[in-house]
Amino acid sequence: MTTMPSIRALSPAPSSRTLDGIAPSALLGFDFNESCTVLTGWRRQEAVLRVLTATGAIIGGVTGLRVGDCLRLALHRGSTTIVRECRVIGASLQGIELEHFGTGMLATCG
């Protein structure tokens, strides 16, 4: 008898946030697979924004994040950057799931 978990137990859980379940009005005008920046402490990583809603986001291309980690998500729009305070709430096949607070702060570059 083995004590190893089944393959199903090792696979990631399905995402709680998908594009199928989100009303088009809830999407905030950012394109699918748009580049963004993740700031954790003094570390900066480039990421890919997969989904952005009024209360959450899914990003990809970032390593080293765990559930409960707090970070800043910087979304770039031309010369304007929107910064959102976020917390990691999970991971799925789509990427790292975040919940964000408030409407974000505008930071104008240039």
C-alpha atoms as a PDB file:
ATOM      1  CA  MET A   1       0.000   0.000   0.000  1.00  0.00           C
ATOM      2  CA  THR A   2       1.299   3.442  -0.890  1.00  0.00           C
ATOM      3  CA  THR A   3       0.874   6.699   0.999  1.00  0.00           C
ATOM      4  CA  MET A   4       1.463   8.912  -2.045  1.00  0.00           C
ATOM      5  CA  PRO A   5      -1.384  11.236  -3.044  1.00  0.00           C
ATOM      6  CA  SER A   6      -3.254  10.616  -6.265  1.00  0.00           C
ATOM      7  CA  ILE A   7      -2.415  12.570  -9.399  1.00  0.00           C
ATOM      8  CA  ARG A   8      -5.756  14.387  -9.112  1.00  0.00           C
ATOM      9  CA  ALA A   9      -4.827  15.596  -5.610  1.00  0.00           C
ATOM     10  CA  LEU A  10      -1.569  17.083  -6.938  1.00  0.00           C
ATOM     11  CA  SER A  11      -3.125  19.051  -9.800  1.00  0.00           C
ATOM     12  CA  PRO A  12      -4.065  22.708  -9.227  1.00  0.00           C
ATOM     13  CA  ALA A  13      -7.653  23.551  -8.386  1.00  0.00           C
ATOM     14  CA  PRO A  14      -9.742  25.135 -11.126  1.00  0.00           C
ATOM     15  CA  SER A  15      -9.778  28.920 -11.022  1.00  0.00           C
ATOM     16  CA  SER A  16     -12.577  30.627  -9.145  1.00  0.00           C
ATOM     17  CA  ARG A  17     -12.300  33.543 -11.579  1.00  0.00           C
ATOM     18  CA  THR A  18     -12.666  32.949 -15.303  1.00  0.00           C
ATOM     19  CA  LEU A  19     -13.593  35.110 -18.245  1.00  0.00           C
ATOM     20  CA  ASP A  20     -16.714  32.984 -18.820  1.00  0.00           C
ATOM     21  CA  GLY A  21     -18.308  33.921 -15.489  1.00  0.00           C
ATOM     22  CA  ILE A  22     -17.519  37.644 -15.681  1.00  0.00           C
ATOM     23  CA  ALA A  23     -19.979  40.106 -17.188  1.00  0.00           C
ATOM     24  CA  PRO A  24     -18.407  42.315 -19.887  1.00  0.00           C
ATOM     25  CA  SER A  25     -19.292  45.406 -17.821  1.00  0.00           C
ATOM     26  CA  ALA A  26     -17.185  44.063 -14.918  1.00  0.00           C
ATOM     27  CA  LEU A  27     -13.994  43.967 -17.008  1.00  0.00           C
ATOM     28  CA  LEU A  28     -12.133  47.236 -16.546  1.00  0.00           C
ATOM     29  CA  GLY A  29     -10.839  47.975 -20.032  1.00  0.00           C
ATOM     30  CA  PHE A  30      -7.544  46.113 -19.912  1.00  0.00           C
ATOM     31  CA  ASP A  31      -6.745  43.646 -22.669  1.00  0.00           C
ATOM     32  CA  PHE A  32      -6.240  39.947 -22.087  1.00  0.00           C
ATOM     33  CA  ASN A  33      -2.493  39.177 -21.728  1.00  0.00           C
ATOM     34  CA  GLU A  34      -1.480  42.806 -21.185  1.00  0.00           C
ATOM     35  CA  SER A  35       1.882  43.473 -19.517  1.00  0.00           C
ATOM     36  CA  CYS A  36       2.003  44.746 -15.937  1.00  0.00           C
ATOM     37  CA  THR A  37       4.491  44.983 -13.066  1.00  0.00           C
ATOM     38  CA  VAL A  38       4.372  43.296  -9.653  1.00  0.00           C
ATOM     39  CA  LEU A  39       6.124  45.023  -6.738  1.00  0.00           C
ATOM     40  CA  THR A  40       6.819  42.939  -3.633  1.00  0.00           C
ATOM     41  CA  GLY A  41       8.966  44.687  -1.077  1.00  0.00           C
ATOM     42  CA  TRP A  42      12.030  45.882  -2.977  1.00  0.00           C
ATOM     43  CA  ARG A  43      11.595  43.314  -5.755  1.00  0.00           C
ATOM     44  CA  ARG A  44      10.060  44.174  -9.122  1.00  0.00           C
ATOM     45  CA  GLN A  45       8.882  41.522 -11.608  1.00  0.00           C
ATOM     46  CA  GLU A  46       7.298  41.874 -15.007  1.00  0.00           C
ATOM     47  CA  ALA A  47       4.047  39.921 -15.323  1.00  0.00           C
ATOM     48  CA  VAL A  48       1.132  39.299 -17.663  1.00  0.00           C
ATOM     49  CA  LEU A  49      -2.343  40.503 -16.677  1.00  0.00           C
ATOM     50  CA  ARG A  50      -4.788  37.748 -17.603  1.00  0.00           C
ATOM     51  CA  VAL A  51      -8.046  38.974 -15.986  1.00  0.00           C
ATOM     52  CA  LEU A  52      -8.953  42.208 -14.206  1.00  0.00           C
ATOM     53  CA  THR A  53     -12.297  42.754 -12.481  1.00  0.00           C
ATOM     54  CA  ALA A  54     -13.613  45.276  -9.968  1.00  0.00           C
ATOM     55  CA  THR A  55     -12.443  43.123  -7.041  1.00  0.00           C
ATOM     56  CA  GLY A  56      -9.729  40.817  -8.351  1.00  0.00           C
ATOM     57  CA  ALA A  57      -7.165  39.943 -10.970  1.00  0.00           C
ATOM     58  CA  ILE A  58      -5.262  36.991 -12.361  1.00  0.00           C
ATOM     59  CA  ILE A  59      -1.620  37.420 -13.368  1.00  0.00           C
ATOM     60  CA  GLY A  60       0.899  35.064 -14.917  1.00  0.00           C
ATOM     61  CA  GLY A  61       4.656  34.893 -15.293  1.00  0.00           C
ATOM     62  CA  VAL A  62       5.494  35.591 -11.648  1.00  0.00           C
ATOM     63  CA  THR A  63       7.224  33.193  -9.270  1.00  0.00           C
ATOM     64  CA  GLY A  64       7.757  33.136  -5.538  1.00  0.00           C
ATOM     65  CA  LEU A  65       4.298  34.293  -4.417  1.00  0.00           C
ATOM     66  CA  ARG A  66       2.288  32.480  -1.734  1.00  0.00           C
ATOM     67  CA  VAL A  67      -1.277  32.749  -0.501  1.00  0.00           C
ATOM     68  CA  GLY A  68      -1.538  35.750   1.817  1.00  0.00           C
ATOM     69  CA  ASP A  69       1.384  37.686   0.306  1.00  0.00           C
ATOM     70  CA  CYS A  70       0.702  41.402  -0.172  1.00  0.00           C
ATOM     71  CA  LEU A  71       1.946  43.193  -3.274  1.00  0.00           C
ATOM     72  CA  ARG A  72       1.403  46.170  -5.529  1.00  0.00           C
ATOM     73  CA  LEU A  73       0.126  45.582  -9.052  1.00  0.00           C
ATOM     74  CA  ALA A  74       1.139  48.337 -11.491  1.00  0.00           C
ATOM     75  CA  LEU A  75      -1.008  48.549 -14.619  1.00  0.00           C
ATOM     76  CA  HIS A  76       0.442  50.653 -17.448  1.00  0.00           C
ATOM     77  CA  ARG A  77      -1.644  52.890 -19.723  1.00  0.00           C
ATOM     78  CA  GLY A  78       0.565  55.095 -21.889  1.00  0.00           C
ATOM     79  CA  SER A  79       2.113  57.698 -19.570  1.00  0.00           C
ATOM     80  CA  THR A  80      -0.212  56.747 -16.697  1.00  0.00           C
ATOM     81  CA  THR A  81       0.352  53.912 -14.231  1.00  0.00           C
ATOM     82  CA  ILE A  82      -2.414  52.624 -11.968  1.00  0.00           C
ATOM     83  CA  VAL A  83      -1.136  50.986  -8.783  1.00  0.00           C
ATOM     84  CA  ARG A  84      -3.364  48.599  -6.833  1.00  0.00           C
ATOM     85  CA  GLU A  85      -2.717  47.121  -3.399  1.00  0.00           C
ATOM     86  CA  CYS A  86      -3.352  43.362  -3.736  1.00  0.00           C
ATOM     87  CA  ARG A  87      -3.217  40.143  -1.752  1.00  0.00           C
ATOM     88  CA  VAL A  88      -2.627  36.656  -3.208  1.00  0.00           C
ATOM     89  CA  ILE A  89      -5.676  34.453  -2.630  1.00  0.00           C
ATOM     90  CA  GLY A  90      -4.716  31.391  -4.651  1.00  0.00           C
ATOM     91  CA  ALA A  91      -3.211  29.862  -7.751  1.00  0.00           C
ATOM     92  CA  SER A  92      -4.844  28.084 -10.662  1.00  0.00           C
ATOM     93  CA  LEU A  93      -4.014  26.931 -14.150  1.00  0.00           C
ATOM     94  CA  GLN A  94      -4.658  30.505 -15.376  1.00  0.00           C
ATOM     95  CA  GLY A  95      -2.136  32.062 -12.982  1.00  0.00           C
ATOM     96  CA  ILE A  96      -1.889  33.751  -9.592  1.00  0.00           C
ATOM     97  CA  GLU A  97      -5.251  34.951  -8.272  1.00  0.00           C
ATOM     98  CA  LEU A  98      -5.306  38.322  -6.512  1.00  0.00           C
ATOM     99  CA  GLU A  99      -7.880  40.391  -4.706  1.00  0.00           C
ATOM    100  CA  HIS A 100      -7.373  44.144  -4.723  1.00  0.00           C
ATOM    101  CA  PHE A 101      -8.602  46.944  -2.530  1.00  0.00           C
ATOM    102  CA  GLY A 102     -10.062  50.311  -3.497  1.00  0.00           C
ATOM    103  CA  THR A 103      -9.923  51.852  -6.934  1.00  0.00           C
ATOM    104  CA  GLY A 104      -6.160  52.232  -7.206  1.00  0.00           C
ATOM    105  CA  MET A 105      -3.813  55.191  -7.144  1.00  0.00           C
ATOM    106  CA  LEU A 106      -2.830  57.070 -10.279  1.00  0.00           C
ATOM    107  CA  ALA A 107       0.854  57.765 -10.818  1.00  0.00           C
ATOM    108  CA  THR A 108       1.759  59.875 -13.824  1.00  0.00           C
ATOM    109  CA  CYS A 109       5.156  59.173 -15.343  1.00  0.00           C
ATOM    110  CA  GLY A 110       7.012  61.681 -17.398  1.00  0.00           C
END
